[in-house]
């Protein structure tokens, strides 16, 4: 239960901190865009079973692969709003990676 709480707290707290600290003028808009990047988790629907408690998402689901993460890094260097999307996706992957570390 603690891992679940940490995981989902980070999915909401990391983007909020980044939005507020680095995009203070438009932090609400930036935070919303970063929250919308959680749609990347739709790739979990392709897995069988869809949810497995001890499974690490990184390099298992198609949009969580190292190749996808490389694309997210590149996107983060584009102009707004694409850089915000890239940053949001990278924060999502970081949260999932931390989750993988906690599991093991």
C-alpha atoms as a PDB file:
ATOM      1  CA  UNK A   1       0.000   0.000   0.000  1.00  0.00           C
ATOM      2  CA  UNK A   2       2.893   2.364   0.755  1.00  0.00           C
ATOM      3  CA  UNK A   3       4.390   1.778  -2.682  1.00  0.00           C
ATOM      4  CA  UNK A   4       1.026   2.539  -4.306  1.00  0.00           C
ATOM      5  CA  UNK A   5       0.785   5.804  -2.346  1.00  0.00           C
ATOM      6  CA  UNK A   6       4.351   6.837  -3.209  1.00  0.00           C
ATOM      7  CA  UNK A   7       3.915   5.982  -6.884  1.00  0.00           C
ATOM      8  CA  UNK A   8       0.749   7.960  -7.456  1.00  0.00           C
ATOM      9  CA  UNK A   9       1.851  10.817  -5.230  1.00  0.00           C
ATOM     10  CA  UNK A  10       4.953  11.233  -7.383  1.00  0.00           C
ATOM     11  CA  UNK A  11       2.861  11.174 -10.564  1.00  0.00           C
ATOM     12  CA  UNK A  12       1.070  14.262  -9.279  1.00  0.00           C
ATOM     13  CA  UNK A  13       3.749  15.961  -7.140  1.00  0.00           C
ATOM     14  CA  UNK A  14       6.742  15.862  -9.542  1.00  0.00           C
ATOM     15  CA  UNK A  15       4.875  17.680 -12.336  1.00  0.00           C
ATOM     16  CA  UNK A  16       3.407  20.186  -9.879  1.00  0.00           C
ATOM     17  CA  UNK A  17       6.846  21.080  -8.502  1.00  0.00           C
ATOM     18  CA  UNK A  18       8.393  21.427 -11.951  1.00  0.00           C
ATOM     19  CA  UNK A  19       5.463  23.503 -13.213  1.00  0.00           C
ATOM     20  CA  UNK A  20       5.495  25.799 -10.203  1.00  0.00           C
ATOM     21  CA  UNK A  21       9.265  26.265  -9.977  1.00  0.00           C
ATOM     22  CA  UNK A  22      10.202  26.561 -13.664  1.00  0.00           C
ATOM     23  CA  UNK A  23       6.978  27.817 -15.273  1.00  0.00           C
ATOM     24  CA  UNK A  24       5.653  30.015 -12.468  1.00  0.00           C
ATOM     25  CA  UNK A  25       3.853  32.439 -14.793  1.00  0.00           C
ATOM     26  CA  UNK A  26       1.752  29.674 -16.407  1.00  0.00           C
ATOM     27  CA  UNK A  27       2.149  26.917 -13.833  1.00  0.00           C
ATOM     28  CA  UNK A  28      -1.507  25.831 -13.921  1.00  0.00           C
ATOM     29  CA  UNK A  29      -1.498  25.356 -17.695  1.00  0.00           C
ATOM     30  CA  UNK A  30       1.875  23.581 -17.597  1.00  0.00           C
ATOM     31  CA  UNK A  31       0.718  21.325 -14.759  1.00  0.00           C
ATOM     32  CA  UNK A  32      -2.410  20.390 -16.709  1.00  0.00           C
ATOM     33  CA  UNK A  33      -0.350  19.528 -19.797  1.00  0.00           C
ATOM     34  CA  UNK A  34       1.971  17.394 -17.676  1.00  0.00           C
ATOM     35  CA  UNK A  35      -0.979  15.597 -16.091  1.00  0.00           C
ATOM     36  CA  UNK A  36      -2.342  14.891 -19.556  1.00  0.00           C
ATOM     37  CA  UNK A  37       0.889  13.072 -20.397  1.00  0.00           C
ATOM     38  CA  UNK A  38      -0.341  10.285 -18.117  1.00  0.00           C
ATOM     39  CA  UNK A  39      -2.315   9.135 -21.132  1.00  0.00           C
ATOM     40  CA  UNK A  40       0.934   7.312 -21.974  1.00  0.00           C
ATOM     41  CA  UNK A  41      -0.273   4.671 -19.514  1.00  0.00           C
ATOM     42  CA  UNK A  42      -2.851   3.512 -22.045  1.00  0.00           C
ATOM     43  CA  UNK A  43      -0.160   1.141 -23.284  1.00  0.00           C
ATOM     44  CA  UNK A  44      -0.756  -0.852 -20.095  1.00  0.00           C
ATOM     45  CA  UNK A  45      -3.979  -2.043 -21.730  1.00  0.00           C
ATOM     46  CA  UNK A  46      -1.871  -4.050 -24.189  1.00  0.00           C
ATOM     47  CA  UNK A  47      -0.370  -6.184 -21.416  1.00  0.00           C
ATOM     48  CA  UNK A  48      -1.764  -9.464 -20.204  1.00  0.00           C
ATOM     49  CA  UNK A  49      -2.591  -9.203 -17.371  1.00  0.00           C
ATOM     50  CA  UNK A  50      -3.239  -5.458 -17.579  1.00  0.00           C
ATOM     51  CA  UNK A  51      -2.014  -4.942 -14.018  1.00  0.00           C
ATOM     52  CA  UNK A  52       0.625  -7.002 -12.297  1.00  0.00           C
ATOM     53  CA  UNK A  53       1.825  -5.700  -8.953  1.00  0.00           C
ATOM     54  CA  UNK A  54       5.474  -6.690  -9.233  1.00  0.00           C
ATOM     55  CA  UNK A  55       5.967  -5.776 -12.912  1.00  0.00           C
ATOM     56  CA  UNK A  56       8.277  -2.903 -13.804  1.00  0.00           C
ATOM     57  CA  UNK A  57       6.742  -0.708 -16.507  1.00  0.00           C
ATOM     58  CA  UNK A  58      10.087   0.517 -17.815  1.00  0.00           C
ATOM     59  CA  UNK A  59      11.043  -1.377 -20.975  1.00  0.00           C
ATOM     60  CA  UNK A  60       7.962  -3.581 -20.694  1.00  0.00           C
ATOM     61  CA  UNK A  61       5.148  -1.475 -22.142  1.00  0.00           C
ATOM     62  CA  UNK A  62       5.638   0.001 -25.653  1.00  0.00           C
ATOM     63  CA  UNK A  63       5.493   3.660 -24.585  1.00  0.00           C
ATOM     64  CA  UNK A  64       7.762   2.955 -21.610  1.00  0.00           C
ATOM     65  CA  UNK A  65      10.698   1.516 -23.602  1.00  0.00           C
ATOM     66  CA  UNK A  66      14.163   3.022 -23.747  1.00  0.00           C
ATOM     67  CA  UNK A  67      13.502   3.980 -27.381  1.00  0.00           C
ATOM     68  CA  UNK A  68      10.369   5.873 -26.378  1.00  0.00           C
ATOM     69  CA  UNK A  69      12.272   7.570 -23.548  1.00  0.00           C
ATOM     70  CA  UNK A  70      14.901   8.694 -26.078  1.00  0.00           C
ATOM     71  CA  UNK A  71      12.105  10.290 -28.134  1.00  0.00           C
ATOM     72  CA  UNK A  72      10.776  12.013 -24.988  1.00  0.00           C
ATOM     73  CA  UNK A  73      14.240  13.449 -24.351  1.00  0.00           C
ATOM     74  CA  UNK A  74      14.372  14.834 -27.892  1.00  0.00           C
ATOM     75  CA  UNK A  75      10.842  16.273 -27.594  1.00  0.00           C
ATOM     76  CA  UNK A  76      11.824  18.095 -24.411  1.00  0.00           C
ATOM     77  CA  UNK A  77      14.175  20.282 -26.491  1.00  0.00           C
ATOM     78  CA  UNK A  78      11.419  21.436 -28.884  1.00  0.00           C
ATOM     79  CA  UNK A  79       9.478  24.673 -28.468  1.00  0.00           C
ATOM     80  CA  UNK A  80       6.470  25.028 -26.200  1.00  0.00           C
ATOM     81  CA  UNK A  81       4.177  23.170 -25.692  1.00  0.00           C
ATOM     82  CA  UNK A  82       6.139  20.159 -26.979  1.00  0.00           C
ATOM     83  CA  UNK A  83       8.951  20.666 -24.479  1.00  0.00           C
ATOM     84  CA  UNK A  84       6.400  20.601 -21.658  1.00  0.00           C
ATOM     85  CA  UNK A  85       4.964  17.366 -23.029  1.00  0.00           C
ATOM     86  CA  UNK A  86       8.462  15.878 -23.237  1.00  0.00           C
ATOM     87  CA  UNK A  87       9.271  16.946 -19.689  1.00  0.00           C
ATOM     88  CA  UNK A  88       5.968  15.531 -18.446  1.00  0.00           C
ATOM     89  CA  UNK A  89       6.670  12.209 -20.145  1.00  0.00           C
ATOM     90  CA  UNK A  90      10.181  12.083 -18.707  1.00  0.00           C
ATOM     91  CA  UNK A  91       8.861  12.809 -15.213  1.00  0.00           C
ATOM     92  CA  UNK A  92       6.359  10.003 -15.704  1.00  0.00           C
ATOM     93  CA  UNK A  93       9.132   7.606 -16.707  1.00  0.00           C
ATOM     94  CA  UNK A  94      11.237   8.732 -13.734  1.00  0.00           C
ATOM     95  CA  UNK A  95       8.335   8.012 -11.398  1.00  0.00           C
ATOM     96  CA  UNK A  96       7.864   4.566 -12.932  1.00  0.00           C
ATOM     97  CA  UNK A  97      11.605   3.916 -12.668  1.00  0.00           C
ATOM     98  CA  UNK A  98      11.574   4.861  -8.969  1.00  0.00           C
ATOM     99  CA  UNK A  99       8.675   2.471  -8.574  1.00  0.00           C
ATOM    100  CA  UNK A 100      10.780  -0.279 -10.155  1.00  0.00           C
ATOM    101  CA  UNK A 101      13.576   0.407  -7.666  1.00  0.00           C
ATOM    102  CA  UNK A 102      11.188   0.200  -4.723  1.00  0.00           C
ATOM    103  CA  UNK A 103       9.847  -3.144  -5.950  1.00  0.00           C
ATOM    104  CA  UNK A 104      13.247  -4.815  -6.016  1.00  0.00           C
END
